Amino acid sequence: GAMVPVRVHTVLISTQHEESVTNEQIAKDLKEHVIKPVIPPQYLDDKTIFHLNPSGRFVIGGPHGDAGLTGRKIIVDTYGGWGAHGGGAFSGKDPSKVDRSG
C-alpha cells in the first residue's frame, strides 16, 4: 500500500554559515527560506520539533572540516533501500560528526 504522510514529527537541518551570523538568525532564515517553501503547512503543527544547527556554530565545514572522513555502506546496514536515506554514515567519522554521535 501507499504511505501517505500525516505530519512532520522532526525537522533537523545543519548548515554552514559565516562567522558573523547568529544561531537565532540561522534558525529564522531556515524556517523562512527552506522549511516553509519545502514542507506543506498542513504537515507542521505545534508538536513539530525543530533542530536547527543543533550542534551550535558551524563555521568550518566542507573539505576543510571533513576531508577524508567519508563513511560507507549505510543503505545495506539500515533498511536495504526501502526507507528514505539522507546520505550519512555509521563509521569512518570522528565523534563530533552527527552521523557518529546521533
PDB file of N, CA and C in Angstrom:
ATOM      1  N   GLY A   1       0.795  -1.183   0.000  1.00  0.00           N
ATOM      2  CA  GLY A   1       0.000   0.000   0.000  1.00  0.00           C
ATOM      3  C   GLY A   1       0.846   1.259   0.000  1.00  0.00           C
ATOM      4  N   ALA A   2       0.222   2.335  -0.289  1.00  0.00           N
ATOM      5  CA  ALA A   2       0.906   3.630  -0.326  1.00  0.00           C
ATOM      6  C   ALA A   2       1.094   4.174   1.082  1.00  0.00           C
ATOM      7  N   MET A   3       2.211   4.846   1.273  1.00  0.00           N
ATOM      8  CA  MET A   3       2.441   5.541   2.540  1.00  0.00           C
ATOM      9  C   MET A   3       2.092   7.008   2.327  1.00  0.00           C
ATOM     10  N   VAL A   4       1.096   7.486   3.051  1.00  0.00           N
ATOM     11  CA  VAL A   4       0.636   8.863   2.926  1.00  0.00           C
ATOM     12  C   VAL A   4       1.076   9.623   4.176  1.00  0.00           C
ATOM     13  N   PRO A   5       1.808  10.718   4.008  1.00  0.00           N
ATOM     14  CA  PRO A   5       2.255  11.467   5.186  1.00  0.00           C
ATOM     15  C   PRO A   5       1.083  12.049   5.968  1.00  0.00           C
ATOM     16  N   VAL A   6       1.236  12.053   7.284  1.00  0.00           N
ATOM     17  CA  VAL A   6       0.222  12.616   8.167  1.00  0.00           C
ATOM     18  C   VAL A   6       0.715  13.936   8.743  1.00  0.00           C
ATOM     19  N   ARG A   7       1.978  13.935   9.229  1.00  0.00           N
ATOM     20  CA  ARG A   7       2.563  15.142   9.801  1.00  0.00           C
ATOM     21  C   ARG A   7       4.069  14.979   9.825  1.00  0.00           C
ATOM     22  N   VAL A   8       4.765  16.079  10.015  1.00  0.00           N
ATOM     23  CA  VAL A   8       6.211  16.057  10.196  1.00  0.00           C
ATOM     24  C   VAL A   8       6.477  16.091  11.691  1.00  0.00           C
ATOM     25  N   HIS A   9       7.165  15.084  12.180  1.00  0.00           N
ATOM     26  CA  HIS A   9       7.487  14.996  13.605  1.00  0.00           C
ATOM     27  C   HIS A   9       8.674  15.888  13.942  1.00  0.00           C
ATOM     28  N   THR A  10       9.770  15.771  13.167  1.00  0.00           N
ATOM     29  CA  THR A  10      11.000  16.489  13.477  1.00  0.00           C
ATOM     30  C   THR A  10      11.660  16.993  12.204  1.00  0.00           C
ATOM     31  N   VAL A  11      12.171  18.204  12.252  1.00  0.00           N
ATOM     32  CA  VAL A  11      12.979  18.770  11.173  1.00  0.00           C
ATOM     33  C   VAL A  11      14.367  19.011  11.747  1.00  0.00           C
ATOM     34  N   LEU A  12      15.387  18.456  11.092  1.00  0.00           N
ATOM     35  CA  LEU A  12      16.764  18.664  11.515  1.00  0.00           C
ATOM     36  C   LEU A  12      17.552  19.192  10.330  1.00  0.00           C
ATOM     37  N   ILE A  13      18.143  20.370  10.487  1.00  0.00           N
ATOM     38  CA  ILE A  13      18.979  20.964   9.444  1.00  0.00           C
ATOM     39  C   ILE A  13      20.239  21.511  10.094  1.00  0.00           C
ATOM     40  N   SER A  14      21.378  21.122   9.543  1.00  0.00           N
ATOM     41  CA  SER A  14      22.653  21.716   9.938  1.00  0.00           C
ATOM     42  C   SER A  14      23.235  22.375   8.702  1.00  0.00           C
ATOM     43  N   THR A  15      23.577  23.640   8.809  1.00  0.00           N
ATOM     44  CA  THR A  15      24.107  24.363   7.663  1.00  0.00           C
ATOM     45  C   THR A  15      25.287  25.230   8.069  1.00  0.00           C
ATOM     46  N   GLN A  16      26.277  25.242   7.191  1.00  0.00           N
ATOM     47  CA  GLN A  16      27.452  26.074   7.428  1.00  0.00           C
ATOM     48  C   GLN A  16      27.073  27.539   7.237  1.00  0.00           C
ATOM     49  N   HIS A  17      27.766  28.427   7.948  1.00  0.00           N
ATOM     50  CA  HIS A  17      27.424  29.843   7.864  1.00  0.00           C
ATOM     51  C   HIS A  17      28.647  30.703   8.135  1.00  0.00           C
ATOM     52  N   GLU A  18      28.518  31.973   7.814  1.00  0.00           N
ATOM     53  CA  GLU A  18      29.574  32.945   8.104  1.00  0.00           C
ATOM     54  C   GLU A  18      29.713  33.113   9.616  1.00  0.00           C
ATOM     55  N   GLU A  19      30.900  33.454  10.055  1.00  0.00           N
ATOM     56  CA  GLU A  19      31.164  33.604  11.484  1.00  0.00           C
ATOM     57  C   GLU A  19      30.305  34.694  12.129  1.00  0.00           C
ATOM     58  N   SER A  20      29.943  35.710  11.359  1.00  0.00           N
ATOM     59  CA  SER A  20      29.201  36.843  11.913  1.00  0.00           C
ATOM     60  C   SER A  20      27.708  36.569  12.110  1.00  0.00           C
ATOM     61  N   VAL A  21      27.189  35.468  11.585  1.00  0.00           N
ATOM     62  CA  VAL A  21      25.757  35.182  11.662  1.00  0.00           C
ATOM     63  C   VAL A  21      25.433  34.447  12.966  1.00  0.00           C
ATOM     64  N   THR A  22      24.382  34.887  13.654  1.00  0.00           N
ATOM     65  CA  THR A  22      23.987  34.258  14.921  1.00  0.00           C
ATOM     66  C   THR A  22      23.142  33.004  14.662  1.00  0.00           C
ATOM     67  N   ASN A  23      23.084  32.133  15.655  1.00  0.00           N
ATOM     68  CA  ASN A  23      22.241  30.939  15.544  1.00  0.00           C
ATOM     69  C   ASN A  23      20.768  31.316  15.441  1.00  0.00           C
ATOM     70  N   GLU A  24      20.373  32.397  16.092  1.00  0.00           N
ATOM     71  CA  GLU A  24      18.985  32.854  16.009  1.00  0.00           C
ATOM     72  C   GLU A  24      18.634  33.265  14.577  1.00  0.00           C
ATOM     73  N   GLN A  25      19.556  33.961  13.909  1.00  0.00           N
ATOM     74  CA  GLN A  25      19.321  34.372  12.524  1.00  0.00           C
ATOM     75  C   GLN A  25      19.280  33.158  11.602  1.00  0.00           C
ATOM     76  N   ILE A  26      20.174  32.188  11.843  1.00  0.00           N
ATOM     77  CA  ILE A  26      20.177  30.956  11.043  1.00  0.00           C
ATOM     78  C   ILE A  26      18.818  30.267  11.160  1.00  0.00           C
ATOM     79  N   ALA A  27      18.317  30.106  12.384  1.00  0.00           N
ATOM     80  CA  ALA A  27      17.029  29.439  12.599  1.00  0.00           C
ATOM     81  C   ALA A  27      15.903  30.189  11.893  1.00  0.00           C
ATOM     82  N   LYS A  28      15.885  31.497  12.019  1.00  0.00           N
ATOM     83  CA  LYS A  28      14.852  32.319  11.371  1.00  0.00           C
ATOM     84  C   LYS A  28      14.908  32.157   9.853  1.00  0.00           C
ATOM     85  N   ASP A  29      16.110  32.247   9.288  1.00  0.00           N
ATOM     86  CA  ASP A  29      16.264  32.130   7.834  1.00  0.00           C
ATOM     87  C   ASP A  29      15.923  30.731   7.328  1.00  0.00           C
ATOM     88  N   LEU A  30      16.311  29.695   8.069  1.00  0.00           N
ATOM     89  CA  LEU A  30      15.981  28.332   7.655  1.00  0.00           C
ATOM     90  C   LEU A  30      14.473  28.123   7.637  1.00  0.00           C
ATOM     91  N   LYS A  31      13.771  28.628   8.645  1.00  0.00           N
ATOM     92  CA  LYS A  31      12.314  28.475   8.674  1.00  0.00           C
ATOM     93  C   LYS A  31      11.660  29.207   7.508  1.00  0.00           C
ATOM     94  N   GLU A  32      12.120  30.426   7.248  1.00  0.00           N
ATOM     95  CA  GLU A  32      11.503  31.255   6.206  1.00  0.00           C
ATOM     96  C   GLU A  32      11.860  30.798   4.792  1.00  0.00           C
ATOM     97  N   HIS A  33      13.123  30.468   4.549  1.00  0.00           N
ATOM     98  CA  HIS A  33      13.595  30.232   3.182  1.00  0.00           C
ATOM     99  C   HIS A  33      13.773  28.764   2.808  1.00  0.00           C
ATOM    100  N   VAL A  34      13.698  27.867   3.777  1.00  0.00           N
ATOM    101  CA  VAL A  34      13.859  26.442   3.473  1.00  0.00           C
ATOM    102  C   VAL A  34      12.628  25.649   3.911  1.00  0.00           C
ATOM    103  N   ILE A  35      12.290  25.718   5.186  1.00  0.00           N
ATOM    104  CA  ILE A  35      11.216  24.878   5.718  1.00  0.00           C
ATOM    105  C   ILE A  35       9.854  25.261   5.146  1.00  0.00           C
ATOM    106  N   LYS A  36       9.500  26.546   5.196  1.00  0.00           N
ATOM    107  CA  LYS A  36       8.192  26.984   4.670  1.00  0.00           C
ATOM    108  C   LYS A  36       8.013  26.636   3.190  1.00  0.00           C
ATOM    109  N   PRO A  37       9.010  26.897   2.319  1.00  0.00           N
ATOM    110  CA  PRO A  37       8.818  26.562   0.906  1.00  0.00           C
ATOM    111  C   PRO A  37       8.818  25.058   0.604  1.00  0.00           C
ATOM    112  N   VAL A  38       9.420  24.252   1.466  1.00  0.00           N
ATOM    113  CA  VAL A  38       9.592  22.830   1.163  1.00  0.00           C
ATOM    114  C   VAL A  38       8.527  21.945   1.808  1.00  0.00           C
ATOM    115  N   ILE A  39       8.139  22.245   3.036  1.00  0.00           N
ATOM    116  CA  ILE A  39       7.184  21.392   3.754  1.00  0.00           C
ATOM    117  C   ILE A  39       5.807  22.051   3.735  1.00  0.00           C
ATOM    118  N   PRO A  40       4.817  21.388   3.139  1.00  0.00           N
ATOM    119  CA  PRO A  40       3.474  21.963   3.127  1.00  0.00           C
ATOM    120  C   PRO A  40       2.984  22.235   4.558  1.00  0.00           C
ATOM    121  N   PRO A  41       2.326  23.368   4.777  1.00  0.00           N
ATOM    122  CA  PRO A  41       1.953  23.789   6.134  1.00  0.00           C
ATOM    123  C   PRO A  41       1.054  22.807   6.876  1.00  0.00           C
ATOM    124  N   GLN A  42       0.257  22.020   6.161  1.00  0.00           N
ATOM    125  CA  GLN A  42      -0.631  21.079   6.850  1.00  0.00           C
ATOM    126  C   GLN A  42       0.132  19.962   7.570  1.00  0.00           C
ATOM    127  N   TYR A  43       1.427  19.807   7.269  1.00  0.00           N
ATOM    128  CA  TYR A  43       2.224  18.768   7.925  1.00  0.00           C
ATOM    129  C   TYR A  43       2.980  19.284   9.144  1.00  0.00           C
ATOM    130  N   LEU A  44       2.977  20.584   9.354  1.00  0.00           N
ATOM    131  CA  LEU A  44       3.643  21.178  10.514  1.00  0.00           C
ATOM    132  C   LEU A  44       2.588  21.565  11.545  1.00  0.00           C
ATOM    133  N   ASP A  45       2.870  21.268  12.813  1.00  0.00           N
ATOM    134  CA  ASP A  45       1.937  21.651  13.869  1.00  0.00           C
ATOM    135  C   ASP A  45       2.719  22.075  15.107  1.00  0.00           C
ATOM    136  N   ASP A  46       2.016  22.351  16.188  1.00  0.00           N
ATOM    137  CA  ASP A  46       2.694  22.837  17.396  1.00  0.00           C
ATOM    138  C   ASP A  46       3.525  21.759  18.091  1.00  0.00           C
ATOM    139  N   LYS A  47       3.416  20.514  17.645  1.00  0.00           N
ATOM    140  CA  LYS A  47       4.233  19.429  18.196  1.00  0.00           C
ATOM    141  C   LYS A  47       5.488  19.164  17.358  1.00  0.00           C
ATOM    142  N   THR A  48       5.588  19.786  16.180  1.00  0.00           N
ATOM    143  CA  THR A  48       6.765  19.582  15.335  1.00  0.00           C
ATOM    144  C   THR A  48       8.002  20.089  16.061  1.00  0.00           C
ATOM    145  N   ILE A  49       9.024  19.270  16.070  1.00  0.00           N
ATOM    146  CA  ILE A  49      10.285  19.604  16.735  1.00  0.00           C
ATOM    147  C   ILE A  49      11.264  20.118  15.684  1.00  0.00           C
ATOM    148  N   PHE A  50      11.905  21.245  15.965  1.00  0.00           N
ATOM    149  CA  PHE A  50      12.897  21.815  15.055  1.00  0.00           C
ATOM    150  C   PHE A  50      14.269  21.778  15.710  1.00  0.00           C
ATOM    151  N   HIS A  51      15.214  21.110  15.064  1.00  0.00           N
ATOM    152  CA  HIS A  51      16.619  21.123  15.470  1.00  0.00           C
ATOM    153  C   HIS A  51      17.360  21.841  14.344  1.00  0.00           C
ATOM    154  N   LEU A  52      17.658  23.101  14.533  1.00  0.00           N
ATOM    155  CA  LEU A  52      18.305  23.908  13.501  1.00  0.00           C
ATOM    156  C   LEU A  52      19.696  24.281  13.988  1.00  0.00           C
ATOM    157  N   ASN A  53      20.705  23.736  13.315  1.00  0.00           N
ATOM    158  CA  ASN A  53      22.102  23.824  13.760  1.00  0.00           C
ATOM    159  C   ASN A  53      22.207  23.435  15.239  1.00  0.00           C
ATOM    160  N   PRO A  54      21.743  22.229  15.578  1.00  0.00           N
ATOM    161  CA  PRO A  54      21.696  21.829  16.984  1.00  0.00           C
ATOM    162  C   PRO A  54      23.064  21.674  17.645  1.00  0.00           C
ATOM    163  N   SER A  55      24.112  21.518  16.846  1.00  0.00           N
ATOM    164  CA  SER A  55      25.462  21.401  17.419  1.00  0.00           C
ATOM    165  C   SER A  55      26.076  22.762  17.690  1.00  0.00           C
ATOM    166  N   GLY A  56      25.340  23.823  17.370  1.00  0.00           N
ATOM    167  CA  GLY A  56      25.865  25.170  17.582  1.00  0.00           C
ATOM    168  C   GLY A  56      26.465  25.740  16.312  1.00  0.00           C
ATOM    169  N   ARG A  57      27.456  26.559  16.471  1.00  0.00           N
ATOM    170  CA  ARG A  57      28.056  27.249  15.333  1.00  0.00           C
ATOM    171  C   ARG A  57      28.694  26.256  14.373  1.00  0.00           C
ATOM    172  N   PHE A  58      28.582  26.545  13.066  1.00  0.00           N
ATOM    173  CA  PHE A  58      29.078  25.654  12.022  1.00  0.00           C
ATOM    174  C   PHE A  58      29.802  26.514  10.994  1.00  0.00           C
ATOM    175  N   VAL A  59      30.929  27.081  11.407  1.00  0.00           N
ATOM    176  CA  VAL A  59      31.685  27.999  10.551  1.00  0.00           C
ATOM    177  C   VAL A  59      32.663  27.229   9.670  1.00  0.00           C
ATOM    178  N   ILE A  60      33.317  26.212  10.218  1.00  0.00           N
ATOM    179  CA  ILE A  60      34.279  25.415   9.444  1.00  0.00           C
ATOM    180  C   ILE A  60      33.572  24.172   8.934  1.00  0.00           C
ATOM    181  N   GLY A  61      33.542  24.006   7.625  1.00  0.00           N
ATOM    182  CA  GLY A  61      32.872  22.854   7.030  1.00  0.00           C
ATOM    183  C   GLY A  61      33.487  22.518   5.692  1.00  0.00           C
ATOM    184  N   GLY A  62      32.770  21.752   4.894  1.00  0.00           N
ATOM    185  CA  GLY A  62      33.268  21.352   3.587  1.00  0.00           C
ATOM    186  C   GLY A  62      34.522  20.511   3.708  1.00  0.00           C
ATOM    187  N   PRO A  63      35.347  20.480   2.661  1.00  0.00           N
ATOM    188  CA  PRO A  63      36.560  19.658   2.694  1.00  0.00           C
ATOM    189  C   PRO A  63      37.491  20.010   3.852  1.00  0.00           C
ATOM    190  N   HIS A  64      37.512  21.280   4.244  1.00  0.00           N
ATOM    191  CA  HIS A  64      38.384  21.690   5.347  1.00  0.00           C
ATOM    192  C   HIS A  64      37.947  21.051   6.671  1.00  0.00           C
ATOM    193  N   GLY A  65      36.664  20.851   6.846  1.00  0.00           N
ATOM    194  CA  GLY A  65      36.163  20.275   8.087  1.00  0.00           C
ATOM    195  C   GLY A  65      35.980  18.769   8.065  1.00  0.00           C
ATOM    196  N   ASP A  66      35.860  18.171   6.875  1.00  0.00           N
ATOM    197  CA  ASP A  66      35.525  16.750   6.784  1.00  0.00           C
ATOM    198  C   ASP A  66      36.407  15.926   5.856  1.00  0.00           C
ATOM    199  N   ALA A  67      37.450  16.469   5.291  1.00  0.00           N
ATOM    200  CA  ALA A  67      38.236  15.749   4.288  1.00  0.00           C
ATOM    201  C   ALA A  67      38.685  14.385   4.801  1.00  0.00           C
ATOM    202  N   GLY A  68      38.440  13.356   3.985  1.00  0.00           N
ATOM    203  CA  GLY A  68      38.894  12.015   4.308  1.00  0.00           C
ATOM    204  C   GLY A  68      38.071  11.286   5.345  1.00  0.00           C
ATOM    205  N   LEU A  69      36.905  11.793   5.677  1.00  0.00           N
ATOM    206  CA  LEU A  69      36.114  11.178   6.737  1.00  0.00           C
ATOM    207  C   LEU A  69      34.798  10.605   6.225  1.00  0.00           C
ATOM    208  N   THR A  70      34.815  10.118   4.998  1.00  0.00           N
ATOM    209  CA  THR A  70      33.586   9.604   4.408  1.00  0.00           C
ATOM    210  C   THR A  70      33.273   8.211   4.930  1.00  0.00           C
ATOM    211  N   GLY A  71      32.032   7.974   5.300  1.00  0.00           N
ATOM    212  CA  GLY A  71      31.596   6.649   5.733  1.00  0.00           C
ATOM    213  C   GLY A  71      31.099   5.835   4.554  1.00  0.00           C
ATOM    214  N   ARG A  72      30.886   4.563   4.773  1.00  0.00           N
ATOM    215  CA  ARG A  72      30.463   3.660   3.703  1.00  0.00           C
ATOM    216  C   ARG A  72      29.323   2.762   4.172  1.00  0.00           C
ATOM    217  N   LYS A  73      28.629   2.172   3.221  1.00  0.00           N
ATOM    218  CA  LYS A  73      27.729   1.050   3.448  1.00  0.00           C
ATOM    219  C   LYS A  73      26.522   1.320   4.325  1.00  0.00           C
ATOM    220  N   ILE A  74      25.956   2.482   4.332  1.00  0.00           N
ATOM    221  CA  ILE A  74      24.829   2.715   5.239  1.00  0.00           C
ATOM    222  C   ILE A  74      23.517   2.106   4.746  1.00  0.00           C
ATOM    223  N   ILE A  75      23.270   2.098   3.452  1.00  0.00           N
ATOM    224  CA  ILE A  75      21.990   1.597   2.948  1.00  0.00           C
ATOM    225  C   ILE A  75      21.777   0.140   3.333  1.00  0.00           C
ATOM    226  N   VAL A  76      22.741  -0.723   3.052  1.00  0.00           N
ATOM    227  CA  VAL A  76      22.550  -2.143   3.363  1.00  0.00           C
ATOM    228  C   VAL A  76      22.528  -2.404   4.859  1.00  0.00           C
ATOM    229  N   ASP A  77      23.091  -1.514   5.648  1.00  0.00           N
ATOM    230  CA  ASP A  77      23.106  -1.703   7.096  1.00  0.00           C
ATOM    231  C   ASP A  77      21.847  -1.168   7.776  1.00  0.00           C
ATOM    232  N   THR A  78      20.970  -0.525   7.033  1.00  0.00           N
ATOM    233  CA  THR A  78      19.760   0.015   7.654  1.00  0.00           C
ATOM    234  C   THR A  78      18.524  -0.646   7.062  1.00  0.00           C
ATOM    235  N   TYR A  79      17.926  -0.039   6.070  1.00  0.00           N
ATOM    236  CA  TYR A  79      16.655  -0.532   5.557  1.00  0.00           C
ATOM    237  C   TYR A  79      16.771  -1.201   4.195  1.00  0.00           C
ATOM    238  N   GLY A  80      17.990  -1.462   3.729  1.00  0.00           N
ATOM    239  CA  GLY A  80      18.156  -2.152   2.457  1.00  0.00           C
ATOM    240  C   GLY A  80      17.584  -1.407   1.271  1.00  0.00           C
ATOM    241  N   GLY A  81      17.501  -0.100   1.358  1.00  0.00           N
ATOM    242  CA  GLY A  81      16.978   0.683   0.248  1.00  0.00           C
ATOM    243  C   GLY A  81      15.484   0.932   0.315  1.00  0.00           C
ATOM    244  N   TRP A  82      14.768   0.320   1.257  1.00  0.00           N
ATOM    245  CA  TRP A  82      13.326   0.506   1.335  1.00  0.00           C
ATOM    246  C   TRP A  82      12.970   1.870   1.889  1.00  0.00           C
ATOM    247  N   GLY A  83      13.692   2.313   2.902  1.00  0.00           N
ATOM    248  CA  GLY A  83      13.397   3.599   3.525  1.00  0.00           C
ATOM    249  C   GLY A  83      14.203   4.729   2.925  1.00  0.00           C
ATOM    250  N   ALA A  84      13.737   5.939   3.126  1.00  0.00           N
ATOM    251  CA  ALA A  84      14.460   7.120   2.645  1.00  0.00           C
ATOM    252  C   ALA A  84      15.767   7.262   3.413  1.00  0.00           C
ATOM    253  N   HIS A  85      16.766   7.808   2.747  1.00  0.00           N
ATOM    254  CA  HIS A  85      18.090   7.908   3.359  1.00  0.00           C
ATOM    255  C   HIS A  85      18.727   9.241   3.010  1.00  0.00           C
ATOM    256  N   GLY A  86      19.368   9.860   3.985  1.00  0.00           N
ATOM    257  CA  GLY A  86      19.934  11.186   3.774  1.00  0.00           C
ATOM    258  C   GLY A  86      21.395  11.234   3.400  1.00  0.00           C
ATOM    259  N   GLY A  87      22.084  10.105   3.298  1.00  0.00           N
ATOM    260  CA  GLY A  87      23.467  10.109   2.854  1.00  0.00           C
ATOM    261  C   GLY A  87      24.494  10.116   3.960  1.00  0.00           C
ATOM    262  N   GLY A  88      24.097   9.852   5.192  1.00  0.00           N
ATOM    263  CA  GLY A  88      25.037   9.845   6.307  1.00  0.00           C
ATOM    264  C   GLY A  88      25.851   8.574   6.368  1.00  0.00           C
ATOM    265  N   ALA A  89      26.587   8.398   7.444  1.00  0.00           N
ATOM    266  CA  ALA A  89      27.439   7.225   7.597  1.00  0.00           C
ATOM    267  C   ALA A  89      27.472   6.779   9.051  1.00  0.00           C
ATOM    268  N   PHE A  90      27.690   5.481   9.263  1.00  0.00           N
ATOM    269  CA  PHE A  90      27.816   4.954  10.619  1.00  0.00           C
ATOM    270  C   PHE A  90      29.252   4.980  11.109  1.00  0.00           C
ATOM    271  N   SER A  91      30.194   4.774  10.215  1.00  0.00           N
ATOM    272  CA  SER A  91      31.588   4.638  10.620  1.00  0.00           C
ATOM    273  C   SER A  91      32.476   5.548   9.795  1.00  0.00           C
ATOM    274  N   GLY A  92      33.702   5.721  10.269  1.00  0.00           N
ATOM    275  CA  GLY A  92      34.675   6.473   9.495  1.00  0.00           C
ATOM    276  C   GLY A  92      34.698   7.953   9.799  1.00  0.00           C
ATOM    277  N   LYS A  93      33.908   8.402  10.744  1.00  0.00           N
ATOM    278  CA  LYS A  93      33.912   9.821  11.078  1.00  0.00           C
ATOM    279  C   LYS A  93      34.301  10.006  12.538  1.00  0.00           C
ATOM    280  N   ASP A  94      34.820  11.172  12.833  1.00  0.00           N
ATOM    281  CA  ASP A  94      35.171  11.426  14.228  1.00  0.00           C
ATOM    282  C   ASP A  94      33.900  11.694  15.040  1.00  0.00           C
ATOM    283  N   PRO A  95      33.960  11.572  16.367  1.00  0.00           N
ATOM    284  CA  PRO A  95      32.752  11.673  17.207  1.00  0.00           C
ATOM    285  C   PRO A  95      32.016  13.005  17.132  1.00  0.00           C
ATOM    286  N   SER A  96      32.640  14.054  16.604  1.00  0.00           N
ATOM    287  CA  SER A  96      31.940  15.337  16.517  1.00  0.00           C
ATOM    288  C   SER A  96      30.963  15.380  15.351  1.00  0.00           C
ATOM    289  N   LYS A  97      31.030  14.412  14.443  1.00  0.00           N
ATOM    290  CA  LYS A  97      30.132  14.389  13.290  1.00  0.00           C
ATOM    291  C   LYS A  97      28.799  13.779  13.698  1.00  0.00           C
ATOM    292  N   VAL A  98      27.710  14.386  13.269  1.00  0.00           N
ATOM    293  CA  VAL A  98      26.373  13.970  13.685  1.00  0.00           C
ATOM    294  C   VAL A  98      26.092  12.526  13.294  1.00  0.00           C
ATOM    295  N   ASP A  99      26.692  12.038  12.209  1.00  0.00           N
ATOM    296  CA  ASP A  99      26.474  10.664  11.782  1.00  0.00           C
ATOM    297  C   ASP A  99      26.984   9.664  12.820  1.00  0.00           C
ATOM    298  N   ARG A 100      27.995  10.048  13.580  1.00  0.00           N
ATOM    299  CA  ARG A 100      28.559   9.165  14.598  1.00  0.00           C
ATOM    300  C   ARG A 100      27.893   9.367  15.953  1.00  0.00           C
ATOM    301  N   SER A 101      27.608  10.587  16.300  1.00  0.00           N
ATOM    302  CA  SER A 101      27.123  10.879  17.645  1.00  0.00           C
ATOM    303  C   SER A 101      25.614  10.782  17.775  1.00  0.00           C
ATOM    304  N   GLY A 102      24.902  10.751  16.628  1.00  0.00           N
ATOM    305  CA  GLY A 102      23.446  10.628  16.665  1.00  0.00           C
ATOM    306  C   GLY A 102      22.803  11.931  16.951  1.00  0.00           C
TER     307      GLY A 102
END
